[in-house]
Protein backbone atom coordinates (compact mmCIF):
# COMPACT_ATOMS: atom_id res chain seq x y z
CA MET A 1 -9.67 -79.02 19.87
CA GLU A 2 -13.03 -80.81 20.41
CA ILE A 3 -15.61 -81.73 17.78
CA LYS A 4 -19.16 -82.96 18.36
CA PHE A 5 -21.18 -83.94 15.23
CA PHE A 6 -24.97 -84.13 15.12
CA LYS A 7 -27.54 -85.11 12.56
CA PRO A 8 -30.97 -83.37 12.64
CA LYS A 9 -33.50 -85.21 14.75
CA ASN A 10 -36.32 -83.60 12.82
CA GLU A 11 -37.29 -85.70 9.87
CA ILE A 12 -38.18 -82.72 7.62
CA LEU A 13 -34.76 -81.16 8.30
CA GLN A 14 -33.02 -84.50 7.50
CA ASN A 15 -34.09 -83.92 3.84
CA TYR A 16 -31.94 -80.71 3.72
CA ILE A 17 -29.18 -80.81 6.31
CA GLU A 18 -26.63 -83.67 6.34
CA GLY A 19 -25.47 -82.62 9.82
CA TYR A 20 -23.57 -80.05 11.86
CA TYR A 21 -20.78 -79.90 14.40
CA PHE A 22 -19.76 -77.84 17.33
CA LEU A 23 -15.94 -77.10 17.41
CA THR A 24 -14.25 -75.68 20.47
CA ASN A 25 -10.63 -74.76 20.89
CA SER A 26 -9.01 -73.29 23.98
CA LYS A 27 -5.99 -71.10 24.63
CA SER A 28 -4.33 -74.09 26.39
CA ASP A 29 -4.55 -76.09 23.12
CA LEU A 30 -1.75 -75.95 20.66
CA PRO A 31 -2.53 -74.12 17.46
CA ILE A 32 -4.34 -76.56 15.08
CA GLU A 33 -3.87 -76.72 11.25
CA TYR A 34 -5.69 -79.05 8.94
CA TYR A 35 -6.75 -79.42 5.30
CA THR A 36 -10.34 -79.90 4.30
CA PHE A 37 -11.31 -81.06 0.83
CA PRO A 38 -13.82 -80.21 -1.84
CA ASN A 39 -17.38 -81.17 -1.11
CA ASN A 40 -20.77 -80.83 -2.85
CA TYR A 41 -22.44 -79.69 0.50
CA SER A 42 -23.16 -76.00 1.01
CA ILE A 43 -21.22 -75.29 4.20
CA ILE A 44 -21.98 -72.50 6.70
CA SER A 45 -19.46 -71.74 9.50
CA ILE A 46 -20.46 -69.48 12.38
CA VAL A 47 -17.88 -68.25 14.89
CA GLU A 48 -17.92 -65.86 17.79
CA ASN A 49 -15.23 -63.66 19.22
CA ALA A 50 -12.73 -64.46 16.50
CA GLU A 51 -11.40 -62.81 13.40
CA ILE A 52 -10.98 -64.76 10.09
CA ILE A 53 -8.16 -63.96 7.85
CA TYR A 54 -8.61 -65.15 4.28
CA LEU A 55 -5.78 -66.01 2.00
CA GLU A 56 -5.69 -68.09 -1.19
CA ASN A 57 -7.15 -71.42 -0.31
CA GLN A 58 -6.52 -70.73 3.38
CA GLY A 59 -8.50 -69.41 6.42
CA ILE A 60 -6.93 -68.36 9.67
CA ILE A 61 -9.32 -68.23 12.67
CA LYS A 62 -7.88 -66.31 15.65
CA GLU A 63 -9.43 -65.37 18.90
CA LYS A 64 -10.33 -61.66 18.96
CA SER A 65 -12.85 -60.23 21.46
CA THR A 66 -13.53 -57.14 19.42
CA VAL A 67 -15.00 -59.24 16.54
CA ASN A 68 -18.21 -60.85 18.03
CA PHE A 69 -19.71 -62.65 15.08
CA ASN A 70 -18.65 -64.17 11.80
CA SER A 71 -20.80 -66.28 9.45
CA ASP A 72 -19.45 -67.57 6.13
CA LEU A 73 -20.80 -69.62 3.30
CA ILE A 74 -18.47 -71.93 1.33
CA CYS A 75 -19.91 -73.85 -1.58
CA HIS A 76 -17.65 -73.69 -4.64
CA TYR A 77 -14.06 -74.62 -3.81
CA LYS A 78 -12.15 -77.10 -6.06
CA LYS A 79 -8.91 -77.20 -4.15
CA PRO A 80 -7.99 -78.09 -0.49
CA ILE A 81 -8.52 -75.36 2.02
CA LYS A 82 -6.04 -75.10 4.93
CA LEU A 83 -7.64 -73.93 8.15
CA SER A 84 -5.68 -72.73 11.19
CA TYR A 85 -7.19 -72.26 14.71
CA GLU A 86 -5.61 -70.29 17.47
CA GLY A 87 -6.94 -69.30 20.91
CA ASN A 88 -10.47 -69.67 22.34
CA ILE A 89 -12.76 -70.55 19.45
CA ASN A 90 -16.43 -71.44 19.54
CA GLU A 91 -17.87 -72.49 16.21
CA ILE A 92 -20.84 -74.16 14.56
CA THR A 93 -20.58 -75.50 11.10
CA PHE A 94 -23.49 -76.80 9.05
CA TYR A 95 -23.43 -79.29 6.13
CA PHE A 96 -26.33 -78.67 3.83
CA LYS A 97 -27.10 -81.34 1.26
CA PRO A 98 -26.81 -80.45 -2.39
CA LEU A 99 -29.72 -78.17 -3.15
CA GLY A 100 -30.73 -78.31 0.53
CA ILE A 101 -29.94 -74.68 1.50
CA ASN A 102 -32.09 -73.42 -1.37
CA ALA A 103 -35.13 -74.54 0.63
CA PHE A 104 -34.41 -71.75 3.18
CA LEU A 105 -33.53 -68.90 0.88
CA ASP A 106 -35.81 -66.46 -0.99
CA LYS A 107 -33.22 -65.96 -3.74
CA THR A 108 -31.06 -68.45 -5.65
CA LEU A 109 -27.87 -69.55 -3.83
CA SER A 110 -25.69 -67.73 -6.26
CA ASN A 111 -27.02 -64.38 -4.94
CA PHE A 112 -25.32 -65.12 -1.65
CA THR A 113 -22.00 -66.02 -2.97
CA SER A 114 -19.25 -63.73 -4.32
CA ASN A 115 -15.81 -64.62 -3.00
CA PHE A 116 -14.22 -67.85 -1.96
CA PHE A 117 -15.60 -67.46 1.54
CA SER A 118 -18.86 -65.28 1.38
CA ASN A 119 -20.26 -63.42 4.41
CA PHE A 120 -23.64 -65.03 5.05
CA GLN A 121 -26.32 -63.42 7.11
CA PRO A 122 -29.56 -64.15 5.14
CA PHE A 123 -32.21 -63.12 7.65
CA ASP A 124 -32.77 -60.15 9.93
CA ASP A 125 -32.67 -62.21 13.11
CA TYR A 126 -29.82 -64.49 11.99
CA LYS A 127 -27.04 -62.86 13.89
CA THR A 128 -28.99 -62.31 17.16
CA THR A 129 -30.28 -65.88 17.07
CA PHE A 130 -27.00 -67.54 16.48
CA THR A 131 -25.20 -65.37 18.90
CA THR A 132 -27.60 -66.66 21.53
CA ILE A 133 -27.12 -70.25 20.35
CA LEU A 134 -23.39 -69.99 20.46
CA LYS A 135 -23.50 -68.90 24.09
CA GLU A 136 -25.80 -71.74 25.08
CA SER A 137 -23.77 -74.34 27.13
CA GLU A 138 -26.26 -77.22 27.31
CA ILE A 139 -25.79 -79.29 24.13
CA GLN A 140 -29.35 -80.71 23.87
CA LYS A 141 -30.83 -77.23 24.27
CA LYS A 142 -28.45 -75.88 21.63
CA CYS A 143 -29.42 -78.53 19.10
CA GLU A 144 -33.16 -77.85 19.84
CA MET A 145 -32.67 -74.14 19.24
CA ILE A 146 -30.78 -74.80 15.97
CA GLU A 147 -33.46 -77.13 14.58
CA ASN A 148 -36.29 -74.83 15.63
CA TYR A 149 -34.64 -71.90 13.93
CA TRP A 150 -34.13 -73.61 10.59
CA LEU A 151 -37.66 -74.98 10.65
CA SER A 152 -38.93 -71.43 11.05
CA LYS A 153 -37.06 -70.44 7.87
CA LEU A 154 -38.02 -73.44 5.74
CA ILE A 155 -39.90 -72.33 2.53
CA GLY A 156 -39.21 -75.34 0.32
CA PHE A 157 -37.50 -75.60 -3.12
CA GLN A 158 -38.97 -76.98 -6.29
CA HIS A 159 -37.17 -77.40 -9.58
CA PRO A 160 -38.27 -79.04 -12.79
CA PHE A 161 -35.31 -81.42 -13.10
CA LEU A 162 -32.39 -80.82 -10.71
CA HIS A 163 -33.55 -83.17 -7.94
CA GLU A 164 -33.74 -86.12 -10.26
CA LEU A 165 -30.65 -85.04 -12.16
CA LEU A 166 -28.51 -85.16 -9.02
CA ILE A 167 -29.44 -88.86 -8.69
CA ASP A 168 -28.56 -89.47 -12.38
CA ILE A 169 -25.25 -87.62 -12.23
CA GLN A 170 -23.92 -90.31 -9.97
CA LYS A 171 -24.45 -92.83 -12.78
CA ASP A 172 -22.45 -93.37 -15.92
CA TYR A 173 -23.99 -90.54 -17.99
CA SER A 174 -22.07 -87.83 -19.83
CA ILE A 175 -23.24 -84.24 -19.22
CA SER A 176 -24.69 -84.19 -22.82
CA GLU A 177 -26.63 -87.30 -22.04
CA LEU A 178 -27.92 -85.93 -18.82
CA ALA A 179 -29.15 -82.80 -20.56
CA LYS A 180 -30.87 -84.84 -23.21
CA LYS A 181 -32.53 -87.13 -20.69
CA HIS A 182 -33.95 -84.12 -18.80
CA ALA A 183 -35.08 -82.34 -21.87
CA THR A 184 -32.85 -79.36 -21.55
CA SER A 185 -29.71 -77.93 -23.19
CA ARG A 186 -26.16 -78.18 -21.83
CA GLN A 187 -26.17 -74.40 -21.51
CA ASN A 188 -29.27 -74.33 -19.38
CA LEU A 189 -28.01 -77.31 -17.32
CA SER A 190 -24.82 -75.32 -16.53
CA LYS A 191 -26.80 -72.23 -15.74
CA GLN A 192 -29.11 -74.05 -13.25
CA PHE A 193 -26.18 -75.69 -11.55
CA GLU A 194 -24.26 -72.33 -11.20
CA SER A 195 -27.41 -70.70 -9.81
CA HIS A 196 -28.50 -73.39 -7.31
CA LEU A 197 -25.26 -75.32 -6.52
CA CYS A 198 -22.51 -72.70 -7.35
CA LYS A 199 -20.47 -75.18 -9.44
CA SER A 200 -20.57 -76.62 -12.93
CA PRO A 201 -22.11 -80.07 -13.73
CA SER A 202 -18.64 -81.51 -14.51
CA ASP A 203 -17.19 -80.14 -11.26
CA PHE A 204 -20.11 -81.59 -9.20
CA LYS A 205 -19.69 -84.93 -10.87
CA LYS A 206 -15.96 -84.97 -10.23
CA ILE A 207 -16.27 -84.04 -6.59
CA GLN A 208 -19.15 -86.49 -6.07
CA ARG A 209 -17.03 -89.40 -7.43
CA PHE A 210 -14.18 -88.28 -5.14
CA ARG A 211 -16.39 -88.12 -2.08
CA GLU A 212 -18.04 -91.53 -2.81
CA ALA A 213 -14.56 -93.10 -3.10
CA LEU A 214 -13.53 -91.38 0.14
CA LYS A 215 -16.57 -92.66 1.92
CA SER A 216 -16.09 -96.26 0.53
CA GLN A 217 -12.54 -96.43 1.69
CA MET A 218 -13.13 -94.82 5.25
CA THR A 219 -16.08 -96.99 6.05
CA SER A 220 -14.85 -100.26 4.60
CA LYS A 221 -12.99 -102.80 6.84
CA ALA A 222 -11.23 -104.31 3.87
CA LYS A 223 -9.69 -101.42 1.95
CA ASN A 224 -10.12 -101.67 -1.88
CA ASN A 225 -7.13 -101.47 -4.14
CA LEU A 226 -7.17 -98.56 -6.49
CA THR A 227 -8.20 -100.71 -9.49
CA THR A 228 -11.27 -101.93 -7.68
CA LEU A 229 -12.00 -98.51 -6.38
CA SER A 230 -11.79 -96.97 -9.81
CA TYR A 231 -14.23 -99.54 -11.17
CA ASP A 232 -16.76 -99.32 -8.29
CA MET A 233 -16.78 -95.47 -8.31
CA LEU A 234 -17.17 -95.19 -12.13
CA PHE A 235 -13.79 -93.72 -12.89
CA TYR A 236 -12.74 -94.45 -16.44
CA ASP A 237 -9.59 -96.28 -15.06
CA GLN A 238 -6.98 -96.00 -12.32
CA SER A 239 -5.17 -93.20 -14.09
CA HIS A 240 -8.38 -91.13 -14.05
CA LEU A 241 -8.89 -91.74 -10.31
CA ILE A 242 -5.31 -90.71 -9.53
CA LYS A 243 -5.64 -87.49 -11.72
CA ASP A 244 -8.78 -86.48 -9.97
CA PHE A 245 -7.43 -87.13 -6.53
CA LYS A 246 -4.25 -85.02 -7.26
CA SER A 247 -6.49 -82.27 -8.64
CA LEU A 248 -8.78 -82.11 -5.56
CA THR A 249 -6.40 -83.00 -2.75
CA GLY A 250 -2.89 -82.30 -4.05
CA LEU A 251 -1.92 -85.88 -3.22
CA THR A 252 -1.92 -89.28 -4.78
CA PRO A 253 -4.83 -91.57 -3.48
CA LYS A 254 -2.21 -93.66 -1.68
CA LYS A 255 -0.69 -90.83 0.28
CA PHE A 256 -4.11 -89.17 0.84
CA PHE A 257 -5.65 -92.25 2.41
CA LYS A 258 -2.48 -92.86 4.45
CA ASN A 259 -2.69 -89.37 6.02
CA ILE A 260 -6.42 -88.55 6.16
CA SER A 261 -7.98 -88.41 9.63
CA SER A 262 -11.63 -89.45 10.14
CA GLN A 263 -13.63 -87.67 12.84
CA GLU A 264 -16.99 -88.43 14.32
CA ASN A 265 -17.47 -91.89 12.79
CA GLY A 266 -16.43 -90.77 9.35
CA GLU A 267 -18.72 -87.77 9.13
CA VAL A 268 -15.70 -85.33 9.10
CA ASN A 269 -12.53 -86.09 7.15
CA TRP A 270 -9.55 -83.86 7.57
CA LEU A 271 -5.85 -84.04 7.07
CA PHE A 272 -4.03 -82.56 10.00
CA VAL A 273 -0.69 -80.75 9.45
């Protein structure tokens, strides 16, 4: 398996898309299995000539020439997902920043999600365009085609409080305090999160803390102990950190950090089986 990760070159797209990667797997490669963990990004995965079999918290991607195009949106998982790859696979996966994907859609994000993995083909020319992009072999040309396409679909996204609230939610505020600060009710706050982020405010906050802790450990030369990490990432205490890690990864922090594999300079963090 080979992965190449890119960040958008276009400064406008940088506001909405964290990055994307090209994943290729060949028949000569051994079958690959790994776990990916909850994220506040909206994730779109596009695959050609492969079938995807969905099980509970699991996706199996197998080469199949009669299935020429798959595009799935994943944005509300709270448990690890096990992904398996077998045969010739050609995939593009996008990481949209929280709220980012809303800037390209004419309806709220919740209108495009139903199941754990939701089929995602939001535009009339989406399938034909990405089929062409998947077949492009020159990487630079491929990146240019991707950025030009998303720029052509950009319509913007405005909201009375969500953009500022996503900054505040990373601070030491309760959900009630956040609602009060932004002059809304907890009920409306939850409704707006479900509509535009497909998760509750408390789930978003929990996942954000986990992701910040992961980033801190993976990018720091001197690894923090759990007590320091708990304090720096605004967990209540070390027990709170351990509880959240077990909930989101199925592992203790110690075992998780021992086994996690960092790809592409820390942009992709998976646990290979």
